């Protein structure tokens, strides 16, 4: 039974794979050296009403940062497998706010999830859904503009880490 308030929409998403000839550890180390971890102090400032100070700090921050990471490969031990995969949340709160102020639902996709994985043959790659395609579903030019810049920043850093 479907409720009256329920709706669904099919969207087209571009999935990106960036392969590397380097080892998993080398690519992981390089990515984590290129992208700083987000300073959780930003959220503390916001919690205490220091929005202007948080804004100044975010404006001085790199365009993308690591919000968090999970060792997704470790989950496969449940199935008796040993694989290496780390899922990253990558973005910038300022970038997210530039989209969500126009379309709050864009918060569903910010930050962007990126998977660094090693396949069963030892091949290493990043995988993610291209931000412009994911955020494009909202049909908002301001959101699209920010998403295109996020695309560029993300692709550049992941290619640099994979090189």
C-alpha atoms as a PDB file:
ATOM      1  CA  UNK A   1       0.000   0.000   0.000  1.00  0.00           C
ATOM      2  CA  UNK A   2       1.366   3.400  -1.008  1.00  0.00           C
ATOM      3  CA  UNK A   3       0.661   6.493   1.054  1.00  0.00           C
ATOM      4  CA  UNK A   4      -0.639   9.662  -0.542  1.00  0.00           C
ATOM      5  CA  UNK A   5       2.602  11.496   0.339  1.00  0.00           C
ATOM      6  CA  UNK A   6       4.857   8.955  -1.358  1.00  0.00           C
ATOM      7  CA  UNK A   7       6.502   9.707  -4.685  1.00  0.00           C
ATOM      8  CA  UNK A   8       9.416   8.341  -6.630  1.00  0.00           C
ATOM      9  CA  UNK A   9      11.523   9.442  -9.542  1.00  0.00           C
ATOM     10  CA  UNK A  10      14.059   7.645 -11.698  1.00  0.00           C
ATOM     11  CA  UNK A  11      17.259   9.573 -12.316  1.00  0.00           C
ATOM     12  CA  UNK A  12      20.273   8.931 -14.499  1.00  0.00           C
ATOM     13  CA  UNK A  13      23.612   8.933 -12.693  1.00  0.00           C
ATOM     14  CA  UNK A  14      27.094   8.918 -14.215  1.00  0.00           C
ATOM     15  CA  UNK A  15      29.366   6.485 -12.400  1.00  0.00           C
ATOM     16  CA  UNK A  16      33.094   7.275 -12.562  1.00  0.00           C
ATOM     17  CA  UNK A  17      36.001   4.858 -12.153  1.00  0.00           C
ATOM     18  CA  UNK A  18      39.569   6.150 -11.901  1.00  0.00           C
ATOM     19  CA  UNK A  19      42.093   3.310 -12.056  1.00  0.00           C
ATOM     20  CA  UNK A  20      45.604   3.386 -10.669  1.00  0.00           C
ATOM     21  CA  UNK A  21      48.698   1.324 -11.374  1.00  0.00           C
ATOM     22  CA  UNK A  22      49.892   2.046  -7.829  1.00  0.00           C
ATOM     23  CA  UNK A  23      49.326  -0.103  -4.774  1.00  0.00           C
ATOM     24  CA  UNK A  24      46.245   0.329  -2.616  1.00  0.00           C
ATOM     25  CA  UNK A  25      48.365   1.621   0.273  1.00  0.00           C
ATOM     26  CA  UNK A  26      50.171   4.140  -1.935  1.00  0.00           C
ATOM     27  CA  UNK A  27      46.918   5.543  -3.348  1.00  0.00           C
ATOM     28  CA  UNK A  28      45.263   5.665   0.080  1.00  0.00           C
ATOM     29  CA  UNK A  29      48.272   7.448   1.599  1.00  0.00           C
ATOM     30  CA  UNK A  30      48.422   9.921  -1.284  1.00  0.00           C
ATOM     31  CA  UNK A  31      44.708  10.750  -1.085  1.00  0.00           C
ATOM     32  CA  UNK A  32      44.879  11.278   2.656  1.00  0.00           C
ATOM     33  CA  UNK A  33      47.885  13.566   2.223  1.00  0.00           C
ATOM     34  CA  UNK A  34      46.101  15.609  -0.472  1.00  0.00           C
ATOM     35  CA  UNK A  35      42.815  16.023   1.394  1.00  0.00           C
ATOM     36  CA  UNK A  36      42.821  17.074   5.035  1.00  0.00           C
ATOM     37  CA  UNK A  37      40.298  15.708   7.499  1.00  0.00           C
ATOM     38  CA  UNK A  38      37.589  18.220   8.268  1.00  0.00           C
ATOM     39  CA  UNK A  39      38.103  20.134  11.494  1.00  0.00           C
ATOM     40  CA  UNK A  40      35.165  19.146  13.691  1.00  0.00           C
ATOM     41  CA  UNK A  41      35.633  22.503  15.416  1.00  0.00           C
ATOM     42  CA  UNK A  42      33.529  23.956  12.586  1.00  0.00           C
ATOM     43  CA  UNK A  43      30.491  22.060  13.872  1.00  0.00           C
ATOM     44  CA  UNK A  44      31.234  23.157  17.428  1.00  0.00           C
ATOM     45  CA  UNK A  45      31.275  26.785  16.288  1.00  0.00           C
ATOM     46  CA  UNK A  46      27.934  26.311  14.550  1.00  0.00           C
ATOM     47  CA  UNK A  47      26.432  24.557  17.578  1.00  0.00           C
ATOM     48  CA  UNK A  48      27.303  27.614  19.696  1.00  0.00           C
ATOM     49  CA  UNK A  49      25.944  30.139  17.211  1.00  0.00           C
ATOM     50  CA  UNK A  50      29.304  31.238  15.805  1.00  0.00           C
ATOM     51  CA  UNK A  51      28.174  31.095  12.153  1.00  0.00           C
ATOM     52  CA  UNK A  52      30.276  34.046  10.990  1.00  0.00           C
ATOM     53  CA  UNK A  53      33.460  32.585  12.468  1.00  0.00           C
ATOM     54  CA  UNK A  54      32.647  29.162  11.003  1.00  0.00           C
ATOM     55  CA  UNK A  55      32.107  30.789   7.596  1.00  0.00           C
ATOM     56  CA  UNK A  56      35.490  32.556   7.749  1.00  0.00           C
ATOM     57  CA  UNK A  57      37.211  29.279   8.644  1.00  0.00           C
ATOM     58  CA  UNK A  58      35.452  27.368   5.878  1.00  0.00           C
ATOM     59  CA  UNK A  59      36.310  30.058   3.327  1.00  0.00           C
ATOM     60  CA  UNK A  60      39.979  29.587   4.273  1.00  0.00           C
ATOM     61  CA  UNK A  61      39.708  25.785   4.007  1.00  0.00           C
ATOM     62  CA  UNK A  62      40.532  23.638   0.969  1.00  0.00           C
ATOM     63  CA  UNK A  63      37.659  23.176  -1.492  1.00  0.00           C
ATOM     64  CA  UNK A  64      37.270  19.506  -0.544  1.00  0.00           C
ATOM     65  CA  UNK A  65      38.101  17.579   2.605  1.00  0.00           C
ATOM     66  CA  UNK A  66      37.566  14.150   4.107  1.00  0.00           C
ATOM     67  CA  UNK A  67      34.547  14.165   6.427  1.00  0.00           C
ATOM     68  CA  UNK A  68      34.985  10.567   7.426  1.00  0.00           C
ATOM     69  CA  UNK A  69      35.988   7.122   6.261  1.00  0.00           C
ATOM     70  CA  UNK A  70      34.958   3.532   6.798  1.00  0.00           C
ATOM     71  CA  UNK A  71      36.909   0.350   6.238  1.00  0.00           C
ATOM     72  CA  UNK A  72      34.368  -1.277   3.975  1.00  0.00           C
ATOM     73  CA  UNK A  73      36.701  -4.155   3.144  1.00  0.00           C
ATOM     74  CA  UNK A  74      36.614  -5.277   6.770  1.00  0.00           C
ATOM     75  CA  UNK A  75      32.887  -5.969   6.408  1.00  0.00           C
ATOM     76  CA  UNK A  76      33.679  -8.701   3.916  1.00  0.00           C
ATOM     77  CA  UNK A  77      35.304 -10.749   6.682  1.00  0.00           C
ATOM     78  CA  UNK A  78      31.713 -11.665   7.553  1.00  0.00           C
ATOM     79  CA  UNK A  79      31.631 -13.575   4.257  1.00  0.00           C
ATOM     80  CA  UNK A  80      35.099 -15.040   4.806  1.00  0.00           C
ATOM     81  CA  UNK A  81      36.688 -12.684   2.252  1.00  0.00           C
ATOM     82  CA  UNK A  82      39.738 -10.486   2.545  1.00  0.00           C
ATOM     83  CA  UNK A  83      39.407  -7.400   0.382  1.00  0.00           C
ATOM     84  CA  UNK A  84      40.660  -3.878   0.715  1.00  0.00           C
ATOM     85  CA  UNK A  85      38.142  -1.084   0.336  1.00  0.00           C
ATOM     86  CA  UNK A  86      37.743   2.251   2.082  1.00  0.00           C
ATOM     87  CA  UNK A  87      34.659   4.387   1.699  1.00  0.00           C
ATOM     88  CA  UNK A  88      35.291   8.125   2.055  1.00  0.00           C
ATOM     89  CA  UNK A  89      32.855  10.985   2.564  1.00  0.00           C
ATOM     90  CA  UNK A  90      34.429  13.897   0.691  1.00  0.00           C
ATOM     91  CA  UNK A  91      33.220  17.462   0.351  1.00  0.00           C
ATOM     92  CA  UNK A  92      33.034  20.798   2.104  1.00  0.00           C
ATOM     93  CA  UNK A  93      30.273  22.136   4.379  1.00  0.00           C
ATOM     94  CA  UNK A  94      30.417  25.505   2.618  1.00  0.00           C
ATOM     95  CA  UNK A  95      29.913  23.809  -0.751  1.00  0.00           C
ATOM     96  CA  UNK A  96      27.022  21.790   0.663  1.00  0.00           C
ATOM     97  CA  UNK A  97      25.392  24.928   2.065  1.00  0.00           C
ATOM     98  CA  UNK A  98      25.689  26.622  -1.338  1.00  0.00           C
ATOM     99  CA  UNK A  99      23.514  23.836  -2.753  1.00  0.00           C
ATOM    100  CA  UNK A 100      21.148  23.116   0.125  1.00  0.00           C
ATOM    101  CA  UNK A 101      20.164  26.763   0.499  1.00  0.00           C
ATOM    102  CA  UNK A 102      18.513  26.353  -2.917  1.00  0.00           C
ATOM    103  CA  UNK A 103      17.442  22.705  -2.650  1.00  0.00           C
ATOM    104  CA  UNK A 104      17.484  21.246   0.848  1.00  0.00           C
ATOM    105  CA  UNK A 105      17.133  17.736  -0.590  1.00  0.00           C
ATOM    106  CA  UNK A 106      20.654  18.098  -2.043  1.00  0.00           C
ATOM    107  CA  UNK A 107      21.803  17.344   1.517  1.00  0.00           C
ATOM    108  CA  UNK A 108      21.058  13.704   0.767  1.00  0.00           C
ATOM    109  CA  UNK A 109      24.183  13.579  -1.426  1.00  0.00           C
ATOM    110  CA  UNK A 110      26.560  15.908   0.392  1.00  0.00           C
ATOM    111  CA  UNK A 111      29.239  14.936   1.151  1.00  0.00           C
ATOM    112  CA  UNK A 112      29.996  12.713  -1.825  1.00  0.00           C
ATOM    113  CA  UNK A 113      30.828   9.042  -1.234  1.00  0.00           C
ATOM    114  CA  UNK A 114      34.010   7.771  -2.849  1.00  0.00           C
ATOM    115  CA  UNK A 115      35.162   4.163  -2.714  1.00  0.00           C
ATOM    116  CA  UNK A 116      38.832   3.260  -2.967  1.00  0.00           C
ATOM    117  CA  UNK A 117      38.964  -0.452  -3.683  1.00  0.00           C
ATOM    118  CA  UNK A 118      41.309  -3.236  -4.641  1.00  0.00           C
ATOM    119  CA  UNK A 119      39.763  -5.935  -6.813  1.00  0.00           C
ATOM    120  CA  UNK A 120      40.480  -9.651  -6.578  1.00  0.00           C
ATOM    121  CA  UNK A 121      43.280  -9.329  -9.152  1.00  0.00           C
ATOM    122  CA  UNK A 122      44.993  -6.527  -7.218  1.00  0.00           C
ATOM    123  CA  UNK A 123      43.758  -3.672  -9.409  1.00  0.00           C
ATOM    124  CA  UNK A 124      43.170  -0.413  -7.542  1.00  0.00           C
ATOM    125  CA  UNK A 125      40.520   2.172  -8.401  1.00  0.00           C
ATOM    126  CA  UNK A 126      38.385   4.979  -7.081  1.00  0.00           C
ATOM    127  CA  UNK A 127      34.654   4.839  -7.792  1.00  0.00           C
ATOM    128  CA  UNK A 128      32.015   7.491  -7.253  1.00  0.00           C
ATOM    129  CA  UNK A 129      28.856   8.917  -8.744  1.00  0.00           C
ATOM    130  CA  UNK A 130      29.579  12.163 -10.558  1.00  0.00           C
ATOM    131  CA  UNK A 131      28.211  15.038  -8.449  1.00  0.00           C
ATOM    132  CA  UNK A 132      26.796  17.003 -11.397  1.00  0.00           C
ATOM    133  CA  UNK A 133      24.721  14.007 -12.441  1.00  0.00           C
ATOM    134  CA  UNK A 134      23.458  13.284  -8.911  1.00  0.00           C
ATOM    135  CA  UNK A 135      22.645  16.902  -8.055  1.00  0.00           C
ATOM    136  CA  UNK A 136      21.278  17.535 -11.561  1.00  0.00           C
ATOM    137  CA  UNK A 137      18.016  15.846 -10.588  1.00  0.00           C
ATOM    138  CA  UNK A 138      16.971  19.005  -8.750  1.00  0.00           C
ATOM    139  CA  UNK A 139      16.887  21.126 -11.915  1.00  0.00           C
ATOM    140  CA  UNK A 140      18.363  24.155 -10.181  1.00  0.00           C
ATOM    141  CA  UNK A 141      21.037  26.177 -11.986  1.00  0.00           C
ATOM    142  CA  UNK A 142      22.669  27.344  -8.730  1.00  0.00           C
ATOM    143  CA  UNK A 143      22.953  23.765  -7.472  1.00  0.00           C
ATOM    144  CA  UNK A 144      24.248  22.651 -10.893  1.00  0.00           C
ATOM    145  CA  UNK A 145      26.903  25.377 -10.930  1.00  0.00           C
ATOM    146  CA  UNK A 146      28.249  24.341  -7.517  1.00  0.00           C
ATOM    147  CA  UNK A 147      28.066  20.647  -8.456  1.00  0.00           C
ATOM    148  CA  UNK A 148      30.142  21.235 -11.616  1.00  0.00           C
ATOM    149  CA  UNK A 149      32.870  22.865  -9.511  1.00  0.00           C
ATOM    150  CA  UNK A 150      32.686  19.958  -7.059  1.00  0.00           C
ATOM    151  CA  UNK A 151      33.072  17.579 -10.036  1.00  0.00           C
ATOM    152  CA  UNK A 152      36.219  19.349 -11.115  1.00  0.00           C
ATOM    153  CA  UNK A 153      37.747  19.505  -7.617  1.00  0.00           C
ATOM    154  CA  UNK A 154      36.971  15.862  -6.868  1.00  0.00           C
ATOM    155  CA  UNK A 155      38.174  14.471 -10.177  1.00  0.00           C
ATOM    156  CA  UNK A 156      41.388  16.481  -9.994  1.00  0.00           C
ATOM    157  CA  UNK A 157      42.314  15.257  -6.504  1.00  0.00           C
ATOM    158  CA  UNK A 158      41.380  11.629  -7.159  1.00  0.00           C
ATOM    159  CA  UNK A 159      43.378  11.593 -10.419  1.00  0.00           C
ATOM    160  CA  UNK A 160      46.336  13.115  -8.565  1.00  0.00           C
ATOM    161  CA  UNK A 161      46.102  10.457  -5.862  1.00  0.00           C
ATOM    162  CA  UNK A 162      45.850   7.675  -8.457  1.00  0.00           C
ATOM    163  CA  UNK A 163      48.753   8.925 -10.607  1.00  0.00           C
END
